[in-house]
Structures are given as structure tokens and as C-alpha cells.
């Protein structure tokens, strides 16, 4: 099971970079397929985990 804490986010800027990364990964998914899928899952999980802290 993946852990959101694997991607430690301590600042608003880091959270925003993850938001941008997930957009890019979603765009690349059809082209690159599964190699990026694990990273996409990790980033989405981290965004959910930290959402309350950085999105109000």
C-alpha cells in the first residue's frame, strides 16, 4: 500500500509543484502508459493527503 508520507510536502510551493506535476503526468499517460502510472498514483495520493493543510 502506498503512503502519502512518501512524498513529504512542507510548503505551499511544494504542494503547488505536485499539482502541476499531476497535470503533466495525466497529459503524458496516454503516450507513456504505465511507467508513469505509479508516480501519478503517488502524487494524487499526496495531494489528497495534504489538501486540508494547503487548500482552504
PDB file of N, CA and C in Angstrom:
ATOM      1  N   UNK A   1       0.835  -1.182   0.000  1.00  0.00           N
ATOM      2  CA  UNK A   1       0.000   0.000   0.000  1.00  0.00           C
ATOM      3  C   UNK A   1       0.883   1.249   0.000  1.00  0.00           C
ATOM      4  N   UNK A   2       0.527   2.168  -0.828  1.00  0.00           N
ATOM      5  CA  UNK A   2       1.309   3.397  -0.943  1.00  0.00           C
ATOM      6  C   UNK A   2       1.000   4.330   0.217  1.00  0.00           C
ATOM      7  N   UNK A   3       1.984   5.116   0.577  1.00  0.00           N
ATOM      8  CA  UNK A   3       1.835   6.061   1.677  1.00  0.00           C
ATOM      9  C   UNK A   3       2.010   7.482   1.155  1.00  0.00           C
ATOM     10  N   UNK A   4       1.099   8.362   1.502  1.00  0.00           N
ATOM     11  CA  UNK A   4       1.218   9.762   1.088  1.00  0.00           C
ATOM     12  C   UNK A   4       2.460  10.396   1.688  1.00  0.00           C
ATOM     13  N   UNK A   5       2.864   9.924   2.849  1.00  0.00           N
ATOM     14  CA  UNK A   5       4.023  10.499   3.516  1.00  0.00           C
ATOM     15  C   UNK A   5       5.311  10.232   2.741  1.00  0.00           C
ATOM     16  N   UNK A   6       5.273   9.290   1.778  1.00  0.00           N
ATOM     17  CA  UNK A   6       6.450   9.046   0.955  1.00  0.00           C
ATOM     18  C   UNK A   6       6.846  10.306   0.185  1.00  0.00           C
ATOM     19  N   UNK A   7       5.859  11.147  -0.111  1.00  0.00           N
ATOM     20  CA  UNK A   7       6.119  12.434  -0.747  1.00  0.00           C
ATOM     21  C   UNK A   7       5.899  13.515   0.302  1.00  0.00           C
ATOM     22  N   UNK A   8       6.940  13.881   0.988  1.00  0.00           N
ATOM     23  CA  UNK A   8       6.840  14.853   2.068  1.00  0.00           C
ATOM     24  C   UNK A   8       6.655  16.251   1.493  1.00  0.00           C
ATOM     25  N   UNK A   9       5.587  16.900   1.895  1.00  0.00           N
ATOM     26  CA  UNK A   9       5.280  18.254   1.439  1.00  0.00           C
ATOM     27  C   UNK A   9       5.249  19.147   2.666  1.00  0.00           C
ATOM     28  N   UNK A  10       6.128  20.144   2.680  1.00  0.00           N
ATOM     29  CA  UNK A  10       6.194  21.011   3.854  1.00  0.00           C
ATOM     30  C   UNK A  10       5.874  22.468   3.540  1.00  0.00           C
ATOM     31  N   UNK A  11       5.784  22.821   2.268  1.00  0.00           N
ATOM     32  CA  UNK A  11       5.487  24.213   1.917  1.00  0.00           C
ATOM     33  C   UNK A  11       4.385  24.282   0.869  1.00  0.00           C
ATOM     34  N   UNK A  12       3.769  25.435   0.784  1.00  0.00           N
ATOM     35  CA  UNK A  12       2.740  25.679  -0.230  1.00  0.00           C
ATOM     36  C   UNK A  12       3.328  25.505  -1.633  1.00  0.00           C
ATOM     37  N   UNK A  13       4.545  25.958  -1.833  1.00  0.00           N
ATOM     38  CA  UNK A  13       5.187  25.851  -3.148  1.00  0.00           C
ATOM     39  C   UNK A  13       5.369  24.390  -3.562  1.00  0.00           C
ATOM     40  N   UNK A  14       5.761  23.538  -2.621  1.00  0.00           N
ATOM     41  CA  UNK A  14       5.913  22.118  -2.934  1.00  0.00           C
ATOM     42  C   UNK A  14       4.567  21.510  -3.316  1.00  0.00           C
ATOM     43  N   UNK A  15       3.522  21.889  -2.608  1.00  0.00           N
ATOM     44  CA  UNK A  15       2.185  21.391  -2.911  1.00  0.00           C
ATOM     45  C   UNK A  15       1.776  21.825  -4.322  1.00  0.00           C
ATOM     46  N   UNK A  16       2.027  23.076  -4.653  1.00  0.00           N
ATOM     47  CA  UNK A  16       1.665  23.585  -5.976  1.00  0.00           C
ATOM     48  C   UNK A  16       2.468  22.903  -7.076  1.00  0.00           C
ATOM     49  N   UNK A  17       3.727  22.569  -6.809  1.00  0.00           N
ATOM     50  CA  UNK A  17       4.523  21.829  -7.791  1.00  0.00           C
ATOM     51  C   UNK A  17       3.936  20.442  -8.025  1.00  0.00           C
ATOM     52  N   UNK A  18       3.448  19.803  -6.960  1.00  0.00           N
ATOM     53  CA  UNK A  18       2.805  18.498  -7.129  1.00  0.00           C
ATOM     54  C   UNK A  18       1.538  18.622  -7.964  1.00  0.00           C
ATOM     55  N   UNK A  19       0.790  19.695  -7.759  1.00  0.00           N
ATOM     56  CA  UNK A  19      -0.414  19.914  -8.569  1.00  0.00           C
ATOM     57  C   UNK A  19      -0.048  20.021 -10.052  1.00  0.00           C
ATOM     58  N   UNK A  20       1.012  20.750 -10.348  1.00  0.00           N
ATOM     59  CA  UNK A  20       1.453  20.883 -11.735  1.00  0.00           C
ATOM     60  C   UNK A  20       1.979  19.558 -12.278  1.00  0.00           C
ATOM     61  N   UNK A  21       2.679  18.818 -11.441  1.00  0.00           N
ATOM     62  CA  UNK A  21       3.213  17.529 -11.876  1.00  0.00           C
ATOM     63  C   UNK A  21       2.095  16.563 -12.236  1.00  0.00           C
ATOM     64  N   UNK A  22       1.036  16.531 -11.438  1.00  0.00           N
ATOM     65  CA  UNK A  22      -0.055  15.602 -11.717  1.00  0.00           C
ATOM     66  C   UNK A  22      -0.744  15.968 -13.035  1.00  0.00           C
ATOM     67  N   UNK A  23      -0.846  17.248 -13.331  1.00  0.00           N
ATOM     68  CA  UNK A  23      -1.421  17.667 -14.618  1.00  0.00           C
ATOM     69  C   UNK A  23      -0.548  17.155 -15.761  1.00  0.00           C
ATOM     70  N   UNK A  24       0.756  17.334 -15.625  1.00  0.00           N
ATOM     71  CA  UNK A  24       1.671  16.851 -16.655  1.00  0.00           C
ATOM     72  C   UNK A  24       1.639  15.346 -16.806  1.00  0.00           C
ATOM     73  N   UNK A  25       1.591  14.627 -15.700  1.00  0.00           N
ATOM     74  CA  UNK A  25       1.550  13.168 -15.759  1.00  0.00           C
ATOM     75  C   UNK A  25       0.270  12.680 -16.411  1.00  0.00           C
ATOM     76  N   UNK A  26      -0.842  13.332 -16.126  1.00  0.00           N
ATOM     77  CA  UNK A  26      -2.108  12.949 -16.764  1.00  0.00           C
ATOM     78  C   UNK A  26      -2.042  13.183 -18.270  1.00  0.00           C
ATOM     79  N   UNK A  27      -1.396  14.264 -18.680  1.00  0.00           N
ATOM     80  CA  UNK A  27      -1.252  14.547 -20.111  1.00  0.00           C
ATOM     81  C   UNK A  27      -0.367  13.512 -20.801  1.00  0.00           C
ATOM     82  N   UNK A  28       0.664  13.045 -20.116  1.00  0.00           N
ATOM     83  CA  UNK A  28       1.602  12.083 -20.698  1.00  0.00           C
ATOM     84  C   UNK A  28       1.119  10.642 -20.618  1.00  0.00           C
ATOM     85  N   UNK A  29       0.172  10.363 -19.767  1.00  0.00           N
ATOM     86  CA  UNK A  29      -0.296   8.992 -19.532  1.00  0.00           C
ATOM     87  C   UNK A  29      -0.626   8.251 -20.833  1.00  0.00           C
ATOM     88  N   UNK A  30      -1.393   8.836 -21.752  1.00  0.00           N
ATOM     89  CA  UNK A  30      -1.707   8.095 -22.977  1.00  0.00           C
ATOM     90  C   UNK A  30      -0.470   7.797 -23.827  1.00  0.00           C
ATOM     91  N   UNK A  31       0.536   8.649 -23.744  1.00  0.00           N
ATOM     92  CA  UNK A  31       1.738   8.461 -24.551  1.00  0.00           C
ATOM     93  C   UNK A  31       2.718   7.480 -23.924  1.00  0.00           C
ATOM     94  N   UNK A  32       2.923   7.599 -22.625  1.00  0.00           N
ATOM     95  CA  UNK A  32       3.944   6.794 -21.951  1.00  0.00           C
ATOM     96  C   UNK A  32       3.390   5.548 -21.283  1.00  0.00           C
ATOM     97  N   UNK A  33       2.097   5.546 -21.018  1.00  0.00           N
ATOM     98  CA  UNK A  33       1.485   4.371 -20.415  1.00  0.00           C
ATOM     99  C   UNK A  33       1.907   4.139 -18.979  1.00  0.00           C
ATOM    100  N   UNK A  34       2.028   2.898 -18.623  1.00  0.00           N
ATOM    101  CA  UNK A  34       2.196   2.503 -17.228  1.00  0.00           C
ATOM    102  C   UNK A  34       3.485   2.942 -16.535  1.00  0.00           C
ATOM    103  N   UNK A  35       4.589   3.234 -17.234  1.00  0.00           N
ATOM    104  CA  UNK A  35       5.774   3.653 -16.472  1.00  0.00           C
ATOM    105  C   UNK A  35       5.511   4.866 -15.581  1.00  0.00           C
ATOM    106  N   UNK A  36       4.643   5.760 -16.011  1.00  0.00           N
ATOM    107  CA  UNK A  36       4.337   6.950 -15.231  1.00  0.00           C
ATOM    108  C   UNK A  36       3.154   6.746 -14.292  1.00  0.00           C
ATOM    109  N   UNK A  37       2.449   5.625 -14.422  1.00  0.00           N
ATOM    110  CA  UNK A  37       1.225   5.426 -13.656  1.00  0.00           C
ATOM    111  C   UNK A  37       1.491   5.369 -12.151  1.00  0.00           C
ATOM    112  N   UNK A  38       2.546   4.703 -11.733  1.00  0.00           N
ATOM    113  CA  UNK A  38       2.866   4.624 -10.299  1.00  0.00           C
ATOM    114  C   UNK A  38       3.149   6.009  -9.725  1.00  0.00           C
ATOM    115  N   UNK A  39       3.900   6.801 -10.452  1.00  0.00           N
ATOM    116  CA  UNK A  39       4.199   8.166  -9.987  1.00  0.00           C
ATOM    117  C   UNK A  39       2.916   8.989  -9.923  1.00  0.00           C
ATOM    118  N   UNK A  40       2.043   8.839 -10.910  1.00  0.00           N
ATOM    119  CA  UNK A  40       0.773   9.556 -10.916  1.00  0.00           C
ATOM    120  C   UNK A  40      -0.046   9.188  -9.685  1.00  0.00           C
ATOM    121  N   UNK A  41      -0.102   7.905  -9.362  1.00  0.00           N
ATOM    122  CA  UNK A  41      -0.830   7.467  -8.163  1.00  0.00           C
ATOM    123  C   UNK A  41      -0.221   8.075  -6.902  1.00  0.00           C
ATOM    124  N   UNK A  42       1.097   8.070  -6.814  1.00  0.00           N
ATOM    125  CA  UNK A  42       1.780   8.630  -5.644  1.00  0.00           C
ATOM    126  C   UNK A  42       1.458  10.110  -5.471  1.00  0.00           C
ATOM    127  N   UNK A  43       1.526  10.843  -6.564  1.00  0.00           N
ATOM    128  CA  UNK A  43       1.297  12.285  -6.500  1.00  0.00           C
ATOM    129  C   UNK A  43      -0.163  12.582  -6.156  1.00  0.00           C
ATOM    130  N   UNK A  44      -1.094  11.849  -6.772  1.00  0.00           N
ATOM    131  CA  UNK A  44      -2.512  12.065  -6.460  1.00  0.00           C
ATOM    132  C   UNK A  44      -2.802  11.766  -4.994  1.00  0.00           C
ATOM    133  N   UNK A  45      -2.208  10.710  -4.464  1.00  0.00           N
ATOM    134  CA  UNK A  45      -2.399  10.353  -3.060  1.00  0.00           C
ATOM    135  C   UNK A  45      -1.838  11.440  -2.140  1.00  0.00           C
ATOM    136  N   UNK A  46      -0.668  11.945  -2.472  1.00  0.00           N
ATOM    137  CA  UNK A  46      -0.067  13.011  -1.661  1.00  0.00           C
ATOM    138  C   UNK A  46      -0.922  14.275  -1.704  1.00  0.00           C
ATOM    139  N   UNK A  47      -1.445  14.611  -2.877  1.00  0.00           N
ATOM    140  CA  UNK A  47      -2.295  15.801  -2.980  1.00  0.00           C
ATOM    141  C   UNK A  47      -3.530  15.662  -2.103  1.00  0.00           C
ATOM    142  N   UNK A  48      -4.124  14.480  -2.116  1.00  0.00           N
ATOM    143  CA  UNK A  48      -5.304  14.245  -1.263  1.00  0.00           C
ATOM    144  C   UNK A  48      -4.936  14.374   0.210  1.00  0.00           C
ATOM    145  N   UNK A  49      -3.812  13.781   0.570  1.00  0.00           N
ATOM    146  CA  UNK A  49      -3.376  13.763   1.961  1.00  0.00           C
ATOM    147  C   UNK A  49      -3.117  15.179   2.485  1.00  0.00           C
ATOM    148  N   UNK A  50      -2.484  16.005   1.680  1.00  0.00           N
ATOM    149  CA  UNK A  50      -2.089  17.341   2.118  1.00  0.00           C
ATOM    150  C   UNK A  50      -3.105  18.425   1.766  1.00  0.00           C
ATOM    151  N   UNK A  51      -4.193  18.060   1.111  1.00  0.00           N
ATOM    152  CA  UNK A  51      -5.173  19.043   0.654  1.00  0.00           C
ATOM    153  C   UNK A  51      -5.698  19.921   1.788  1.00  0.00           C
ATOM    154  N   UNK A  52      -6.036  19.341   2.898  1.00  0.00           N
ATOM    155  CA  UNK A  52      -6.581  20.112   4.026  1.00  0.00           C
ATOM    156  C   UNK A  52      -5.565  21.119   4.566  1.00  0.00           C
ATOM    157  N   UNK A  53      -4.305  20.769   4.488  1.00  0.00           N
ATOM    158  CA  UNK A  53      -3.253  21.636   5.019  1.00  0.00           C
ATOM    159  C   UNK A  53      -2.961  22.823   4.097  1.00  0.00           C
ATOM    160  N   UNK A  54      -3.040  22.606   2.776  1.00  0.00           N
ATOM    161  CA  UNK A  54      -2.604  23.641   1.842  1.00  0.00           C
ATOM    162  C   UNK A  54      -3.721  24.255   1.015  1.00  0.00           C
ATOM    163  N   UNK A  55      -4.888  23.657   0.984  1.00  0.00           N
ATOM    164  CA  UNK A  55      -6.022  24.217   0.242  1.00  0.00           C
ATOM    165  C   UNK A  55      -7.123  24.546   1.222  1.00  0.00           C
ATOM    166  N   UNK A  56      -7.507  25.795   1.261  1.00  0.00           N
ATOM    167  CA  UNK A  56      -8.554  26.209   2.201  1.00  0.00           C
ATOM    168  C   UNK A  56      -9.670  26.881   1.487  1.00  0.00           C
TER     169      UNK A  56
END
